[in-house]
Amino acid sequence: VAERLVEGRLLSRGRPQDVANVAWAYARLGVVHPPLLQDLITRLEQEAFLEQCGPQDLSNIAWALSKLGGLSEELLDLMATRALQDPGLVEFNAQEISNLMWAFGTLGVR
């Protein structure tokens, strides 16, 4: 499945929920597929992608990339900036905030 996603460049045009679901599934299974991981990161770095992410998408992606070892401080900073944009964390439920904080913690961010 990962090869098909990479070969078809499917993540490059995926919606935030699609990207979050793929990231979550691979992290939950503990499967690290470097080309797929790179495609996930590339999609997150595309202009305006993170602005389209809702709280669940953002928190699941942060958690998954932390589990997969693909979350850099720079990417986490972009995700934190998005989470704090108006209306900010008010939109997030307890689980979503927990996922974000766990991702921060894995990088030693306080």
N, C-alpha and C. Protein backbone atom coordinates (compact mmCIF):
# COMPACT_ATOMS: atom_id res chain seq x y z
N VAL A 1 0.83 -1.18 0.00
CA VAL A 1 0.00 0.00 0.00
C VAL A 1 0.88 1.25 0.00
N ALA A 2 1.92 1.25 0.83
CA ALA A 2 2.80 2.42 0.90
C ALA A 2 3.44 2.70 -0.46
N GLU A 3 3.87 1.64 -1.13
CA GLU A 3 4.47 1.83 -2.46
C GLU A 3 3.49 2.46 -3.43
N ARG A 4 2.24 2.02 -3.40
CA ARG A 4 1.21 2.59 -4.29
C ARG A 4 0.96 4.05 -3.98
N LEU A 5 0.93 4.38 -2.68
CA LEU A 5 0.75 5.78 -2.29
C LEU A 5 1.89 6.65 -2.80
N VAL A 6 3.11 6.14 -2.67
CA VAL A 6 4.28 6.90 -3.10
C VAL A 6 4.34 6.99 -4.63
N GLU A 7 4.19 5.85 -5.30
CA GLU A 7 4.27 5.83 -6.77
C GLU A 7 3.20 6.71 -7.41
N GLY A 8 2.02 6.71 -6.85
CA GLY A 8 0.92 7.49 -7.40
C GLY A 8 0.90 8.93 -6.93
N ARG A 9 1.87 9.29 -6.06
CA ARG A 9 1.94 10.65 -5.51
C ARG A 9 0.59 11.06 -4.91
N LEU A 10 -0.08 10.10 -4.30
CA LEU A 10 -1.43 10.33 -3.79
C LEU A 10 -1.47 11.30 -2.61
N LEU A 11 -0.45 11.29 -1.78
CA LEU A 11 -0.47 12.19 -0.63
C LEU A 11 -0.27 13.65 -1.05
N SER A 12 0.36 13.87 -2.19
CA SER A 12 0.63 15.24 -2.62
C SER A 12 -0.65 16.01 -2.92
N ARG A 13 -1.74 15.30 -3.10
CA ARG A 13 -3.02 15.97 -3.35
C ARG A 13 -4.10 15.54 -2.35
N GLY A 14 -3.67 14.86 -1.30
CA GLY A 14 -4.63 14.40 -0.30
C GLY A 14 -5.15 15.51 0.59
N ARG A 15 -6.38 15.35 1.03
CA ARG A 15 -6.98 16.27 2.00
C ARG A 15 -6.34 16.04 3.37
N PRO A 16 -6.44 17.01 4.26
CA PRO A 16 -5.86 16.83 5.59
C PRO A 16 -6.30 15.54 6.29
N GLN A 17 -7.59 15.20 6.21
CA GLN A 17 -8.04 13.98 6.87
C GLN A 17 -7.40 12.75 6.25
N ASP A 18 -7.24 12.75 4.92
CA ASP A 18 -6.60 11.61 4.25
C ASP A 18 -5.16 11.44 4.72
N VAL A 19 -4.44 12.55 4.76
CA VAL A 19 -3.03 12.52 5.18
C VAL A 19 -2.94 12.08 6.64
N ALA A 20 -3.82 12.62 7.48
CA ALA A 20 -3.82 12.25 8.89
C ALA A 20 -4.12 10.76 9.07
N ASN A 21 -5.07 10.24 8.32
CA ASN A 21 -5.44 8.83 8.44
C ASN A 21 -4.29 7.92 8.03
N VAL A 22 -3.61 8.26 6.95
CA VAL A 22 -2.47 7.45 6.50
C VAL A 22 -1.36 7.49 7.55
N ALA A 23 -1.04 8.69 8.02
CA ALA A 23 0.02 8.83 9.03
C ALA A 23 -0.34 8.05 10.29
N TRP A 24 -1.57 8.19 10.76
CA TRP A 24 -2.01 7.51 11.97
C TRP A 24 -1.92 5.99 11.80
N ALA A 25 -2.39 5.49 10.67
CA ALA A 25 -2.40 4.03 10.46
C ALA A 25 -1.00 3.45 10.48
N TYR A 26 -0.06 4.09 9.78
CA TYR A 26 1.30 3.56 9.76
C TYR A 26 1.95 3.67 11.14
N ALA A 27 1.68 4.76 11.86
CA ALA A 27 2.24 4.90 13.20
C ALA A 27 1.64 3.86 14.15
N ARG A 28 0.36 3.65 14.05
CA ARG A 28 -0.32 2.68 14.92
C ARG A 28 0.23 1.28 14.70
N LEU A 29 0.55 0.97 13.45
CA LEU A 29 1.12 -0.34 13.13
C LEU A 29 2.61 -0.40 13.41
N GLY A 30 3.24 0.75 13.61
CA GLY A 30 4.68 0.80 13.85
C GLY A 30 5.49 0.54 12.59
N VAL A 31 4.91 0.84 11.45
CA VAL A 31 5.58 0.60 10.16
C VAL A 31 6.20 1.91 9.67
N VAL A 32 7.52 1.91 9.57
CA VAL A 32 8.22 3.08 9.04
C VAL A 32 8.61 2.77 7.59
N HIS A 33 8.08 3.54 6.69
CA HIS A 33 8.37 3.41 5.26
C HIS A 33 8.97 4.75 4.84
N PRO A 34 10.31 4.85 4.76
CA PRO A 34 10.96 6.15 4.52
C PRO A 34 10.41 6.97 3.34
N PRO A 35 10.17 6.37 2.16
CA PRO A 35 9.62 7.20 1.08
C PRO A 35 8.23 7.76 1.41
N LEU A 36 7.40 6.97 2.07
CA LEU A 36 6.08 7.44 2.46
C LEU A 36 6.20 8.53 3.52
N LEU A 37 7.09 8.34 4.47
CA LEU A 37 7.32 9.35 5.50
C LEU A 37 7.75 10.67 4.87
N GLN A 38 8.63 10.60 3.89
CA GLN A 38 9.07 11.81 3.21
C GLN A 38 7.92 12.48 2.46
N ASP A 39 7.06 11.68 1.84
CA ASP A 39 5.89 12.25 1.16
C ASP A 39 4.95 12.94 2.16
N LEU A 40 4.79 12.36 3.33
CA LEU A 40 3.96 12.99 4.37
C LEU A 40 4.54 14.35 4.77
N ILE A 41 5.84 14.36 5.01
CA ILE A 41 6.51 15.60 5.41
C ILE A 41 6.42 16.64 4.31
N THR A 42 6.64 16.22 3.07
CA THR A 42 6.54 17.15 1.93
C THR A 42 5.16 17.76 1.84
N ARG A 43 4.13 16.93 2.05
CA ARG A 43 2.75 17.44 1.98
C ARG A 43 2.51 18.47 3.08
N LEU A 44 3.01 18.22 4.27
CA LEU A 44 2.83 19.14 5.38
C LEU A 44 3.52 20.48 5.13
N GLU A 45 4.61 20.44 4.39
CA GLU A 45 5.36 21.65 4.12
C GLU A 45 4.82 22.44 2.93
N GLN A 46 3.85 21.87 2.21
CA GLN A 46 3.26 22.60 1.09
C GLN A 46 2.50 23.82 1.61
N GLU A 47 2.61 24.89 0.86
CA GLU A 47 1.97 26.14 1.27
C GLU A 47 0.47 25.93 1.47
N ALA A 48 0.00 26.46 2.57
CA ALA A 48 -1.42 26.47 2.93
C ALA A 48 -1.99 25.12 3.36
N PHE A 49 -1.20 24.05 3.33
CA PHE A 49 -1.76 22.75 3.74
C PHE A 49 -2.16 22.76 5.21
N LEU A 50 -1.26 23.20 6.07
CA LEU A 50 -1.56 23.17 7.51
C LEU A 50 -2.74 24.06 7.87
N GLU A 51 -2.94 25.14 7.13
CA GLU A 51 -4.08 26.02 7.40
C GLU A 51 -5.41 25.30 7.16
N GLN A 52 -5.38 24.27 6.33
CA GLN A 52 -6.59 23.50 6.04
C GLN A 52 -6.87 22.43 7.10
N CYS A 53 -5.88 22.16 7.93
CA CYS A 53 -6.01 21.09 8.93
C CYS A 53 -6.86 21.54 10.10
N GLY A 54 -7.78 20.67 10.49
CA GLY A 54 -8.55 20.89 11.70
C GLY A 54 -7.79 20.33 12.89
N PRO A 55 -8.31 20.53 14.09
CA PRO A 55 -7.63 20.05 15.29
C PRO A 55 -7.32 18.55 15.28
N GLN A 56 -8.28 17.73 14.87
CA GLN A 56 -8.03 16.29 14.87
C GLN A 56 -6.95 15.92 13.85
N ASP A 57 -7.00 16.52 12.67
CA ASP A 57 -5.98 16.25 11.66
C ASP A 57 -4.61 16.61 12.20
N LEU A 58 -4.50 17.81 12.72
CA LEU A 58 -3.22 18.32 13.19
C LEU A 58 -2.65 17.48 14.33
N SER A 59 -3.50 17.15 15.29
CA SER A 59 -3.00 16.38 16.43
C SER A 59 -2.65 14.95 16.05
N ASN A 60 -3.43 14.34 15.16
CA ASN A 60 -3.11 12.98 14.72
C ASN A 60 -1.82 12.94 13.91
N ILE A 61 -1.62 13.93 13.06
CA ILE A 61 -0.40 13.99 12.26
C ILE A 61 0.82 14.20 13.18
N ALA A 62 0.71 15.11 14.14
CA ALA A 62 1.82 15.35 15.07
C ALA A 62 2.16 14.07 15.84
N TRP A 63 1.14 13.41 16.35
CA TRP A 63 1.36 12.16 17.10
C TRP A 63 2.01 11.11 16.22
N ALA A 64 1.47 10.94 15.02
CA ALA A 64 1.98 9.90 14.12
C ALA A 64 3.42 10.16 13.71
N LEU A 65 3.73 11.38 13.35
CA LEU A 65 5.10 11.68 12.94
C LEU A 65 6.08 11.52 14.10
N SER A 66 5.62 11.83 15.30
CA SER A 66 6.47 11.60 16.47
C SER A 66 6.76 10.11 16.65
N LYS A 67 5.72 9.29 16.51
CA LYS A 67 5.89 7.84 16.63
C LYS A 67 6.80 7.29 15.54
N LEU A 68 6.71 7.86 14.35
CA LEU A 68 7.48 7.37 13.20
C LEU A 68 8.88 7.97 13.12
N GLY A 69 9.17 8.93 13.98
CA GLY A 69 10.48 9.55 13.98
C GLY A 69 10.67 10.57 12.86
N GLY A 70 9.58 11.12 12.36
CA GLY A 70 9.68 12.05 11.25
C GLY A 70 9.36 13.49 11.61
N LEU A 71 9.23 13.78 12.90
CA LEU A 71 8.83 15.12 13.30
C LEU A 71 10.06 15.91 13.74
N SER A 72 10.39 16.91 12.96
CA SER A 72 11.51 17.79 13.30
C SER A 72 10.99 18.95 14.14
N GLU A 73 11.91 19.65 14.79
CA GLU A 73 11.50 20.83 15.55
C GLU A 73 10.89 21.88 14.64
N GLU A 74 11.43 22.00 13.42
CA GLU A 74 10.91 22.99 12.48
C GLU A 74 9.47 22.67 12.08
N LEU A 75 9.21 21.42 11.80
CA LEU A 75 7.86 21.02 11.42
C LEU A 75 6.90 21.15 12.61
N LEU A 76 7.36 20.77 13.78
CA LEU A 76 6.53 20.92 14.97
C LEU A 76 6.22 22.38 15.23
N ASP A 77 7.18 23.26 14.96
CA ASP A 77 6.96 24.69 15.13
C ASP A 77 5.87 25.18 14.18
N LEU A 78 5.89 24.71 12.93
CA LEU A 78 4.84 25.07 11.98
C LEU A 78 3.48 24.59 12.45
N MET A 79 3.44 23.38 13.00
CA MET A 79 2.19 22.82 13.47
C MET A 79 1.69 23.56 14.72
N ALA A 80 2.61 23.94 15.59
CA ALA A 80 2.21 24.69 16.78
C ALA A 80 1.67 26.06 16.40
N THR A 81 2.31 26.70 15.42
CA THR A 81 1.82 27.99 14.94
C THR A 81 0.40 27.86 14.43
N ARG A 82 0.14 26.80 13.67
CA ARG A 82 -1.21 26.56 13.15
C ARG A 82 -2.20 26.34 14.29
N ALA A 83 -1.80 25.56 15.29
CA ALA A 83 -2.69 25.26 16.40
C ALA A 83 -3.07 26.52 17.18
N LEU A 84 -2.18 27.50 17.20
CA LEU A 84 -2.43 28.72 17.96
C LEU A 84 -3.11 29.82 17.16
N GLN A 85 -3.31 29.58 15.85
CA GLN A 85 -4.02 30.57 15.04
C GLN A 85 -5.47 30.67 15.50
N ASP A 86 -6.04 31.84 15.30
CA ASP A 86 -7.42 32.10 15.70
C ASP A 86 -8.36 31.05 15.13
N PRO A 87 -9.20 30.41 15.90
CA PRO A 87 -9.48 30.65 17.31
C PRO A 87 -8.57 29.90 18.26
N GLY A 88 -7.59 29.21 17.75
CA GLY A 88 -6.59 28.59 18.61
C GLY A 88 -7.03 27.31 19.28
N LEU A 89 -6.43 27.06 20.42
CA LEU A 89 -6.66 25.79 21.12
C LEU A 89 -8.07 25.62 21.64
N VAL A 90 -8.88 26.66 21.59
CA VAL A 90 -10.27 26.56 22.01
C VAL A 90 -10.99 25.48 21.20
N GLU A 91 -10.57 25.30 19.95
CA GLU A 91 -11.19 24.30 19.07
C GLU A 91 -10.81 22.87 19.44
N PHE A 92 -9.72 22.68 20.14
CA PHE A 92 -9.17 21.36 20.41
C PHE A 92 -9.83 20.72 21.63
N ASN A 93 -10.10 19.41 21.51
CA ASN A 93 -10.59 18.69 22.69
C ASN A 93 -9.39 18.16 23.48
N ALA A 94 -9.66 17.53 24.59
CA ALA A 94 -8.58 17.06 25.48
C ALA A 94 -7.65 16.07 24.79
N GLN A 95 -8.20 15.16 24.01
CA GLN A 95 -7.36 14.16 23.32
C GLN A 95 -6.45 14.83 22.30
N GLU A 96 -6.97 15.79 21.58
CA GLU A 96 -6.17 16.48 20.56
C GLU A 96 -5.04 17.28 21.20
N ILE A 97 -5.32 17.94 22.30
CA ILE A 97 -4.26 18.67 23.01
C ILE A 97 -3.23 17.70 23.56
N SER A 98 -3.70 16.58 24.08
CA SER A 98 -2.80 15.56 24.61
C SER A 98 -1.86 15.04 23.52
N ASN A 99 -2.40 14.77 22.34
CA ASN A 99 -1.57 14.29 21.23
C ASN A 99 -0.50 15.31 20.86
N LEU A 100 -0.89 16.59 20.80
CA LEU A 100 0.09 17.63 20.48
C LEU A 100 1.17 17.73 21.54
N MET A 101 0.76 17.69 22.80
CA MET A 101 1.73 17.80 23.89
C MET A 101 2.67 16.60 23.91
N TRP A 102 2.13 15.44 23.60
CA TRP A 102 2.98 14.24 23.54
C TRP A 102 4.03 14.40 22.44
N ALA A 103 3.60 14.93 21.29
CA ALA A 103 4.55 15.15 20.19
C ALA A 103 5.63 16.13 20.60
N PHE A 104 5.25 17.21 21.29
CA PHE A 104 6.24 18.16 21.78
C PHE A 104 7.20 17.46 22.75
N GLY A 105 6.66 16.66 23.64
CA GLY A 105 7.47 15.97 24.62
C GLY A 105 8.48 15.02 24.04
N THR A 106 8.13 14.37 22.93
CA THR A 106 9.08 13.43 22.33
C THR A 106 10.32 14.13 21.80
N LEU A 107 10.17 15.43 21.49
CA LEU A 107 11.32 16.21 21.04
C LEU A 107 11.98 16.98 22.19
N GLY A 108 11.47 16.80 23.38
CA GLY A 108 12.03 17.48 24.54
C GLY A 108 11.65 18.95 24.62
N VAL A 109 10.60 19.35 23.90
CA VAL A 109 10.15 20.74 23.93
C VAL A 109 9.31 20.95 25.18
N ARG A 110 9.56 22.04 25.87
CA ARG A 110 8.79 22.34 27.09
C ARG A 110 8.17 23.71 26.99
